[in-house]
PDB file of N, CA and C in Angstrom:
ATOM      1  N   MET A   1      77.687  98.880  85.912  1.00  0.00           N
ATOM      2  CA  MET A   1      79.118  99.003  85.719  1.00  0.00           C
ATOM      3  C   MET A   1      79.806  98.262  86.853  1.00  0.00           C
ATOM      4  N   SER A   2      80.808  97.492  86.543  1.00  0.00           N
ATOM      5  CA  SER A   2      81.501  96.730  87.574  1.00  0.00           C
ATOM      6  C   SER A   2      82.411  97.653  88.385  1.00  0.00           C
ATOM      7  N   SER A   3      82.700  97.224  89.598  1.00  0.00           N
ATOM      8  CA  SER A   3      83.522  98.045  90.478  1.00  0.00           C
ATOM      9  C   SER A   3      84.958  98.151  89.949  1.00  0.00           C
ATOM     10  N   GLY A   4      85.433  97.122  89.246  1.00  0.00           N
ATOM     11  CA  GLY A   4      86.777  97.177  88.667  1.00  0.00           C
ATOM     12  C   GLY A   4      86.894  98.254  87.610  1.00  0.00           C
ATOM     13  N   LYS A   5      85.856  98.357  86.770  1.00  0.00           N
ATOM     14  CA  LYS A   5      85.866  99.389  85.736  1.00  0.00           C
ATOM     15  C   LYS A   5      85.746 100.768  86.364  1.00  0.00           C
ATOM     16  N   LEU A   6      84.948 100.875  87.426  1.00  0.00           N
ATOM     17  CA  LEU A   6      84.787 102.149  88.111  1.00  0.00           C
ATOM     18  C   LEU A   6      86.112 102.594  88.705  1.00  0.00           C
ATOM     19  N   LEU A   7      86.792 101.684  89.382  1.00  0.00           N
ATOM     20  CA  LEU A   7      88.080 102.011  89.991  1.00  0.00           C
ATOM     21  C   LEU A   7      89.096 102.409  88.926  1.00  0.00           C
ATOM     22  N   LEU A   8      89.138 101.683  87.828  1.00  0.00           N
ATOM     23  CA  LEU A   8      90.059 102.001  86.740  1.00  0.00           C
ATOM     24  C   LEU A   8      89.744 103.382  86.160  1.00  0.00           C
ATOM     25  N   GLY A   9      88.462 103.682  85.997  1.00  0.00           N
ATOM     26  CA  GLY A   9      88.063 104.993  85.480  1.00  0.00           C
ATOM     27  C   GLY A   9      88.456 106.121  86.411  1.00  0.00           C
ATOM     28  N   VAL A  10      88.273 105.899  87.718  1.00  0.00           N
ATOM     29  CA  VAL A  10      88.655 106.930  88.691  1.00  0.00           C
ATOM     30  C   VAL A  10      90.160 107.156  88.661  1.00  0.00           C
ATOM     31  N   LEU A  11      90.920 106.082  88.645  1.00  0.00           N
ATOM     32  CA  LEU A  11      92.381 106.227  88.615  1.00  0.00           C
ATOM     33  C   LEU A  11      92.860 106.908  87.335  1.00  0.00           C
ATOM     34  N   ALA A  12      92.251 106.569  86.203  1.00  0.00           N
ATOM     35  CA  ALA A  12      92.613 107.225  84.944  1.00  0.00           C
ATOM     36  C   ALA A  12      92.273 108.708  84.999  1.00  0.00           C
ATOM     37  N   GLY A  13      91.136 109.029  85.593  1.00  0.00           N
ATOM     38  CA  GLY A  13      90.746 110.437  85.741  1.00  0.00           C
ATOM     39  C   GLY A  13      91.701 111.215  86.622  1.00  0.00           C
ATOM     40  N   VAL A  14      92.135 110.582  87.703  1.00  0.00           N
ATOM     41  CA  VAL A  14      93.092 111.236  88.600  1.00  0.00           C
ATOM     42  C   VAL A  14      94.405 111.503  87.862  1.00  0.00           C
ATOM     43  N   ALA A  15      94.883 110.511  87.132  1.00  0.00           N
ATOM     44  CA  ALA A  15      96.143 110.675  86.404  1.00  0.00           C
ATOM     45  C   ALA A  15      96.030 111.761  85.342  1.00  0.00           C
ATOM     46  N   ALA A  16      94.938 111.756  84.581  1.00  0.00           N
ATOM     47  CA  ALA A  16      94.750 112.763  83.535  1.00  0.00           C
ATOM     48  C   ALA A  16      94.630 114.158  84.145  1.00  0.00           C
ATOM     49  N   GLY A  17      93.898 114.265  85.248  1.00  0.00           N
ATOM     50  CA  GLY A  17      93.745 115.560  85.912  1.00  0.00           C
ATOM     51  C   GLY A  17      95.060 116.087  86.443  1.00  0.00           C
ATOM     52  N   ALA A  18      95.854 115.205  87.015  1.00  0.00           N
ATOM     53  CA  ALA A  18      97.155 115.626  87.536  1.00  0.00           C
ATOM     54  C   ALA A  18      98.067 116.098  86.408  1.00  0.00           C
ATOM     55  N   LEU A  19      98.066 115.372  85.313  1.00  0.00           N
ATOM     56  CA  LEU A  19      98.901 115.750  84.173  1.00  0.00           C
ATOM     57  C   LEU A  19      98.474 117.098  83.604  1.00  0.00           C
ATOM     58  N   LEU A  20      97.193 117.270  83.380  1.00  0.00           N
ATOM     59  CA  LEU A  20      96.708 118.540  82.840  1.00  0.00           C
ATOM     60  C   LEU A  20      96.929 119.679  83.824  1.00  0.00           C
ATOM     61  N   GLY A  21      96.791 119.379  85.104  1.00  0.00           N
ATOM     62  CA  GLY A  21      97.033 120.411  86.110  1.00  0.00           C
ATOM     63  C   GLY A  21      98.456 120.914  86.088  1.00  0.00           C
ATOM     64  N   VAL A  22      99.398 120.017  85.907  1.00  0.00           N
ATOM     65  CA  VAL A  22     100.807 120.408  85.855  1.00  0.00           C
ATOM     66  C   VAL A  22     101.097 121.179  84.570  1.00  0.00           C
ATOM     67  N   LEU A  23     100.527 120.731  83.458  1.00  0.00           N
ATOM     68  CA  LEU A  23     100.821 121.375  82.174  1.00  0.00           C
ATOM     69  C   LEU A  23     100.248 122.791  82.067  1.00  0.00           C
ATOM     70  N   PHE A  24      99.066 122.990  82.613  1.00  0.00           N
ATOM     71  CA  PHE A  24      98.400 124.279  82.434  1.00  0.00           C
ATOM     72  C   PHE A  24      98.322 125.104  83.717  1.00  0.00           C
ATOM     73  N   ALA A  25      99.132 124.793  84.686  1.00  0.00           N
ATOM     74  CA  ALA A  25      99.064 125.475  85.979  1.00  0.00           C
ATOM     75  C   ALA A  25      99.625 126.898  85.889  1.00  0.00           C
ATOM     76  N   PRO A  26      98.838 127.872  86.343  1.00  0.00           N
ATOM     77  CA  PRO A  26      99.344 129.242  86.369  1.00  0.00           C
ATOM     78  C   PRO A  26     100.138 129.533  87.641  1.00  0.00           C
ATOM     79  N   ASP A  27     100.096 128.637  88.605  1.00  0.00           N
ATOM     80  CA  ASP A  27     100.770 128.857  89.882  1.00  0.00           C
ATOM     81  C   ASP A  27     102.198 128.324  89.853  1.00  0.00           C
ATOM     82  N   LYS A  28     102.919 128.619  90.939  1.00  0.00           N
ATOM     83  CA  LYS A  28     104.264 128.069  91.110  1.00  0.00           C
ATOM     84  C   LYS A  28     104.166 126.561  91.251  1.00  0.00           C
ATOM     85  N   GLY A  29     105.254 125.884  90.992  1.00  0.00           N
ATOM     86  CA  GLY A  29     105.293 124.426  91.077  1.00  0.00           C
ATOM     87  C   GLY A  29     104.909 123.878  92.438  1.00  0.00           C
ATOM     88  N   SER A  30     105.382 124.523  93.492  1.00  0.00           N
ATOM     89  CA  SER A  30     105.080 124.037  94.839  1.00  0.00           C
ATOM     90  C   SER A  30     103.587 124.152  95.149  1.00  0.00           C
ATOM     91  N   VAL A  31     102.979 125.223  94.705  1.00  0.00           N
ATOM     92  CA  VAL A  31     101.537 125.419  94.919  1.00  0.00           C
ATOM     93  C   VAL A  31     100.761 124.392  94.100  1.00  0.00           C
ATOM     94  N   THR A  32     101.188 124.178  92.868  1.00  0.00           N
ATOM     95  CA  THR A  32     100.525 123.200  92.000  1.00  0.00           C
ATOM     96  C   THR A  32     100.630 121.799  92.589  1.00  0.00           C
ATOM     97  N   ARG A  33     101.807 121.449  93.110  1.00  0.00           N
ATOM     98  CA  ARG A  33     101.981 120.126  93.717  1.00  0.00           C
ATOM     99  C   ARG A  33     101.070 119.950  94.928  1.00  0.00           C
ATOM    100  N   LYS A  34     100.904 120.989  95.715  1.00  0.00           N
ATOM    101  CA  LYS A  34     100.009 120.917  96.874  1.00  0.00           C
ATOM    102  C   LYS A  34      98.561 120.714  96.419  1.00  0.00           C
ATOM    103  N   LYS A  35      98.179 121.419  95.367  1.00  0.00           N
ATOM    104  CA  LYS A  35      96.819 121.260  94.840  1.00  0.00           C
ATOM    105  C   LYS A  35      96.596 119.843  94.319  1.00  0.00           C
ATOM    106  N   ILE A  36      97.586 119.323  93.585  1.00  0.00           N
ATOM    107  CA  ILE A  36      97.470 117.962  93.041  1.00  0.00           C
ATOM    108  C   ILE A  36      97.409 116.952  94.189  1.00  0.00           C
ATOM    109  N   SER A  37      98.224 117.166  95.193  1.00  0.00           N
ATOM    110  CA  SER A  37      98.221 116.273  96.345  1.00  0.00           C
ATOM    111  C   SER A  37      96.865 116.279  97.037  1.00  0.00           C
ATOM    112  N   LYS A  38      96.289 117.458  97.188  1.00  0.00           N
ATOM    113  CA  LYS A  38      94.971 117.576  97.827  1.00  0.00           C
ATOM    114  C   LYS A  38      93.902 116.876  96.995  1.00  0.00           C
ATOM    115  N   LYS A  39      93.928 117.081  95.691  1.00  0.00           N
ATOM    116  CA  LYS A  39      92.955 116.421  94.810  1.00  0.00           C
ATOM    117  C   LYS A  39      93.141 114.907  94.856  1.00  0.00           C
ATOM    118  N   GLY A  40      94.383 114.450  94.873  1.00  0.00           N
ATOM    119  CA  GLY A  40      94.654 113.016  94.961  1.00  0.00           C
ATOM    120  C   GLY A  40      94.089 112.423  96.241  1.00  0.00           C
ATOM    121  N   GLU A  41      94.237 113.139  97.336  1.00  0.00           N
ATOM    122  CA  GLU A  41      93.676 112.687  98.613  1.00  0.00           C
ATOM    123  C   GLU A  41      92.148 112.634  98.541  1.00  0.00           C
ATOM    124  N   ASP A  42      91.553 113.649  97.911  1.00  0.00           N
ATOM    125  CA  ASP A  42      90.092 113.675  97.765  1.00  0.00           C
ATOM    126  C   ASP A  42      89.612 112.481  96.939  1.00  0.00           C
ATOM    127  N   TYR A  43      90.301 112.214  95.843  1.00  0.00           N
ATOM    128  CA  TYR A  43      89.912 111.081  94.990  1.00  0.00           C
ATOM    129  C   TYR A  43      90.140 109.756  95.709  1.00  0.00           C
ATOM    130  N   ALA A  44      91.228 109.656  96.455  1.00  0.00           N
ATOM    131  CA  ALA A  44      91.504 108.427  97.204  1.00  0.00           C
ATOM    132  C   ALA A  44      90.403 108.185  98.237  1.00  0.00           C
ATOM    133  N   GLU A  45      89.959 109.234  98.881  1.00  0.00           N
ATOM    134  CA  GLU A  45      88.870 109.111  99.857  1.00  0.00           C
ATOM    135  C   GLU A  45      87.570 108.687  99.169  1.00  0.00           C
ATOM    136  N   ALA A  46      87.308 109.237  97.997  1.00  0.00           N
ATOM    137  CA  ALA A  46      86.100 108.855  97.251  1.00  0.00           C
ATOM    138  C   ALA A  46      86.154 107.391  96.845  1.00  0.00           C
ATOM    139  N   VAL A  47      87.316 106.929  96.393  1.00  0.00           N
ATOM    140  CA  VAL A  47      87.470 105.523  96.012  1.00  0.00           C
ATOM    141  C   VAL A  47      87.300 104.633  97.237  1.00  0.00           C
ATOM    142  N   LYS A  48      87.852 105.059  98.357  1.00  0.00           N
ATOM    143  CA  LYS A  48      87.725 104.296  99.598  1.00  0.00           C
ATOM    144  C   LYS A  48      86.258 104.178 100.012  1.00  0.00           C
ATOM    145  N   GLU A  49      85.511 105.270  99.904  1.00  0.00           N
ATOM    146  CA  GLU A  49      84.083 105.247 100.238  1.00  0.00           C
ATOM    147  C   GLU A  49      83.316 104.310  99.304  1.00  0.00           C
ATOM    148  N   LYS A  50      83.603 104.382  98.019  1.00  0.00           N
ATOM    149  CA  LYS A  50      82.935 103.493  97.058  1.00  0.00           C
ATOM    150  C   LYS A  50      83.270 102.036  97.346  1.00  0.00           C
ATOM    151  N   PHE A  51      84.515 101.759  97.689  1.00  0.00           N
ATOM    152  CA  PHE A  51      84.926 100.396  97.997  1.00  0.00           C
ATOM    153  C   PHE A  51      84.201  99.888  99.243  1.00  0.00           C
ATOM    154  N   ASN A  52      84.093 100.752 100.262  1.00  0.00           N
ATOM    155  CA  ASN A  52      83.379 100.364 101.473  1.00  0.00           C
ATOM    156  C   ASN A  52      81.898 100.116 101.192  1.00  0.00           C
ATOM    157  N   GLU A  53      81.293 100.943 100.336  1.00  0.00           N
ATOM    158  CA  GLU A  53      79.900 100.723  99.941  1.00  0.00           C
ATOM    159  C   GLU A  53      79.765  99.378  99.222  1.00  0.00           C
ATOM    160  N   PHE A  54      80.719  99.084  98.344  1.00  0.00           N
ATOM    161  CA  PHE A  54      80.720  97.817  97.619  1.00  0.00           C
ATOM    162  C   PHE A  54      80.822  96.636  98.592  1.00  0.00           C
ATOM    163  N   LEU A  55      81.734  96.736  99.558  1.00  0.00           N
ATOM    164  CA  LEU A  55      81.884  95.669 100.548  1.00  0.00           C
ATOM    165  C   LEU A  55      80.615  95.497 101.376  1.00  0.00           C
ATOM    166  N   ASP A  56      80.016  96.606 101.795  1.00  0.00           N
ATOM    167  CA  ASP A  56      78.774  96.526 102.562  1.00  0.00           C
ATOM    168  C   ASP A  56      77.674  95.857 101.751  1.00  0.00           C
ATOM    169  N   ASP A  57      77.574  96.214 100.487  1.00  0.00           N
ATOM    170  CA  ASP A  57      76.556  95.633  99.609  1.00  0.00           C
ATOM    171  C   ASP A  57      76.788  94.127  99.436  1.00  0.00           C
ATOM    172  N   MET A  58      78.039  93.737  99.216  1.00  0.00           N
ATOM    173  CA  MET A  58      78.352  92.315  99.051  1.00  0.00           C
ATOM    174  C   MET A  58      78.106  91.543 100.345  1.00  0.00           C
ATOM    175  N   THR A  59      78.431  92.135 101.478  1.00  0.00           N
ATOM    176  CA  THR A  59      78.195  91.488 102.770  1.00  0.00           C
ATOM    177  C   THR A  59      76.701  91.282 102.993  1.00  0.00           C
ATOM    178  N   GLU A  60      75.929  92.301 102.670  1.00  0.00           N
ATOM    179  CA  GLU A  60      74.471  92.209 102.812  1.00  0.00           C
ATOM    180  C   GLU A  60      73.903  91.101 101.923  1.00  0.00           C
ATOM    181  N   LYS A  61      74.359  91.040 100.687  1.00  0.00           N
ATOM    182  CA  LYS A  61      73.887  90.004  99.773  1.00  0.00           C
ATOM    183  C   LYS A  61      74.309  88.620 100.252  1.00  0.00           C
ATOM    184  N   PHE A  62      75.528  88.488 100.757  1.00  0.00           N
ATOM    185  CA  PHE A  62      76.011  87.207 101.263  1.00  0.00           C
ATOM    186  C   PHE A  62      75.170  86.742 102.445  1.00  0.00           C
ATOM    187  N   GLU A  63      74.872  87.671 103.363  1.00  0.00           N
ATOM    188  CA  GLU A  63      74.063  87.317 104.533  1.00  0.00           C
ATOM    189  C   GLU A  63      72.651  86.897 104.107  1.00  0.00           C
ATOM    190  N   LYS A  64      72.094  87.585 103.130  1.00  0.00           N
ATOM    191  CA  LYS A  64      70.756  87.249 102.642  1.00  0.00           C
ATOM    192  C   LYS A  64      70.749  85.844 102.038  1.00  0.00           C
ATOM    193  N   ILE A  65      71.749  85.548 101.233  1.00  0.00           N
ATOM    194  CA  ILE A  65      71.843  84.220 100.613  1.00  0.00           C
ATOM    195  C   ILE A  65      72.063  83.155 101.683  1.00  0.00           C
ATOM    196  N   SER A  66      72.876  83.457 102.690  1.00  0.00           N
ATOM    197  CA  SER A  66      73.114  82.506 103.776  1.00  0.00           C
ATOM    198  C   SER A  66      71.824  82.200 104.527  1.00  0.00           C
ATOM    199  N   GLU A  67      71.027  83.238 104.788  1.00  0.00           N
ATOM    200  CA  GLU A  67      69.755  83.038 105.474  1.00  0.00           C
ATOM    201  C   GLU A  67      68.801  82.207 104.624  1.00  0.00           C
ATOM    202  N   GLU A  68      68.744  82.493 103.334  1.00  0.00           N
ATOM    203  CA  GLU A  68      67.872  81.728 102.444  1.00  0.00           C
ATOM    204  C   GLU A  68      68.318  80.263 102.381  1.00  0.00           C
ATOM    205  N   THR A  69      69.615  80.043 102.320  1.00  0.00           N
ATOM    206  CA  THR A  69      70.148  78.685 102.276  1.00  0.00           C
ATOM    207  C   THR A  69      69.819  77.943 103.567  1.00  0.00           C
ATOM    208  N   ALA A  70      69.956  78.629 104.699  1.00  0.00           N
ATOM    209  CA  ALA A  70      69.626  78.005 105.981  1.00  0.00           C
ATOM    210  C   ALA A  70      68.145  77.640 106.017  1.00  0.00           C
ATOM    211  N   GLY A  71      67.300  78.503 105.464  1.00  0.00           N
ATOM    212  CA  GLY A  71      65.868  78.221 105.408  1.00  0.00           C
ATOM    213  C   GLY A  71      65.581  77.006 104.548  1.00  0.00           C
ATOM    214  N   PHE A  72      66.228  76.899 103.408  1.00  0.00           N
ATOM    215  CA  PHE A  72      66.046  75.739 102.535  1.00  0.00           C
ATOM    216  C   PHE A  72      66.543  74.463 103.219  1.00  0.00           C
ATOM    217  N   THR A  73      67.652  74.571 103.929  1.00  0.00           N
ATOM    218  CA  THR A  73      68.203  73.415 104.624  1.00  0.00           C
ATOM    219  C   THR A  73      67.228  72.934 105.696  1.00  0.00           C
ATOM    220  N   GLU A  74      66.678  73.860 106.470  1.00  0.00           N
ATOM    221  CA  GLU A  74      65.714  73.490 107.504  1.00  0.00           C
ATOM    222  C   GLU A  74      64.466  72.873 106.887  1.00  0.00           C
ATOM    223  N   MET A  75      63.992  73.466 105.804  1.00  0.00           N
ATOM    224  CA  MET A  75      62.801  72.954 105.135  1.00  0.00           C
ATOM    225  C   MET A  75      63.075  71.548 104.598  1.00  0.00           C
ATOM    226  N   ASN A  76      64.228  71.346 104.015  1.00  0.00           N
ATOM    227  CA  ASN A  76      64.597  70.045 103.472  1.00  0.00           C
ATOM    228  C   ASN A  76      64.766  69.022 104.593  1.00  0.00           C
ATOM    229  N   LYS A  77      65.376  69.460 105.692  1.00  0.00           N
ATOM    230  CA  LYS A  77      65.586  68.577 106.834  1.00  0.00           C
ATOM    231  C   LYS A  77      64.237  68.131 107.417  1.00  0.00           C
ATOM    232  N   SER A  78      63.315  69.058 107.617  1.00  0.00           N
ATOM    233  CA  SER A  78      62.010  68.703 108.177  1.00  0.00           C
ATOM    234  C   SER A  78      61.215  67.858 107.181  1.00  0.00           C
ATOM    235  N   GLY A  79      61.372  68.111 105.906  1.00  0.00           N
ATOM    236  CA  GLY A  79      60.689  67.308 104.882  1.00  0.00           C
ATOM    237  C   GLY A  79      61.219  65.897 104.846  1.00  0.00           C
ATOM    238  N   SER A  80      62.513  65.711 105.020  1.00  0.00           N
ATOM    239  CA  SER A  80      63.089  64.361 105.000  1.00  0.00           C
ATOM    240  C   SER A  80      62.713  63.597 106.260  1.00  0.00           C
ATOM    241  N   GLU A  81      62.565  64.290 107.392  1.00  0.00           N
ATOM    242  CA  GLU A  81      62.130  63.625 108.623  1.00  0.00           C
ATOM    243  C   GLU A  81      60.692  63.129 108.472  1.00  0.00           C
ATOM    244  N   GLY A  82      59.858  63.938 107.829  1.00  0.00           N
ATOM    245  CA  GLY A  82      58.466  63.521 107.576  1.00  0.00           C
ATOM    246  C   GLY A  82      58.429  62.321 106.648  1.00  0.00           C
ATOM    247  N   THR A  83      59.299  62.297 105.672  1.00  0.00           N
ATOM    248  CA  THR A  83      59.357  61.169 104.739  1.00  0.00           C
ATOM    249  C   THR A  83      59.813  59.912 105.466  1.00  0.00           C
ATOM    250  N   LYS A  84      60.762  60.030 106.381  1.00  0.00           N
ATOM    251  CA  LYS A  84      61.223  58.878 107.164  1.00  0.00           C
ATOM    252  C   LYS A  84      60.081  58.341 108.027  1.00  0.00           C
ATOM    253  N   LYS A  85      59.311  59.247 108.634  1.00  0.00           N
ATOM    254  CA  LYS A  85      58.201  58.828 109.473  1.00  0.00           C
ATOM    255  C   LYS A  85      57.136  58.099 108.624  1.00  0.00           C
ATOM    256  N   ASP A  86      56.866  58.640 107.431  1.00  0.00           N
ATOM    257  CA  ASP A  86      55.909  58.030 106.533  1.00  0.00           C
ATOM    258  C   ASP A  86      56.388  56.644 106.106  1.00  0.00           C
ATOM    259  N   ALA A  87      57.679  56.510 105.852  1.00  0.00           N
ATOM    260  CA  ALA A  87      58.233  55.232 105.434  1.00  0.00           C
ATOM    261  C   ALA A  87      58.137  54.208 106.569  1.00  0.00           C
ATOM    262  N   LYS A  88      58.408  54.620 107.797  1.00  0.00           N
ATOM    263  CA  LYS A  88      58.302  53.737 108.941  1.00  0.00           C
ATOM    264  C   LYS A  88      56.841  53.307 109.163  1.00  0.00           C
ATOM    265  N   ALA A  89      55.936  54.278 109.036  1.00  0.00           N
ATOM    266  CA  ALA A  89      54.513  53.964 109.254  1.00  0.00           C
ATOM    267  C   ALA A  89      53.985  52.997 108.199  1.00  0.00           C
ATOM    268  N   SER A  90      54.431  53.129 106.969  1.00  0.00           N
ATOM    269  CA  SER A  90      53.933  52.243 105.909  1.00  0.00           C
ATOM    270  C   SER A  90      54.562  50.859 105.988  1.00  0.00           C
ATOM    271  N   SER A  91      55.747  50.756 106.575  1.00  0.00           N
ATOM    272  CA  SER A  91      56.400  49.449 106.688  1.00  0.00           C
ATOM    273  C   SER A  91      55.857  48.643 107.869  1.00  0.00           C
ATOM    274  N   VAL A  92      55.193  49.282 108.795  1.00  0.00           N
ATOM    275  CA  VAL A  92      54.673  48.588 109.976  1.00  0.00           C
ATOM    276  C   VAL A  92      53.370  47.936 109.709  1.00  0.00           C
TER     277      VAL A  92
END
């Protein structure tokens, strides 16, 4: 599941929960608003944690690809130097 769909699902869940909480709340309005606010903060923190996990995962993958690319570049560079040496030796 993509992170965009996950975020959209979480936000839709928060909105639906808040709406149902207001409609079926047995408490006073002020108490219900405090509960909704607390739940919203909890969901916001969960989304923030998921986003940070996503960023960490993407950073890790980027670093891995960068290292692999650097390895290929070094291998290609050393291979081309060997080819130049071979070309010089055969021309002499």
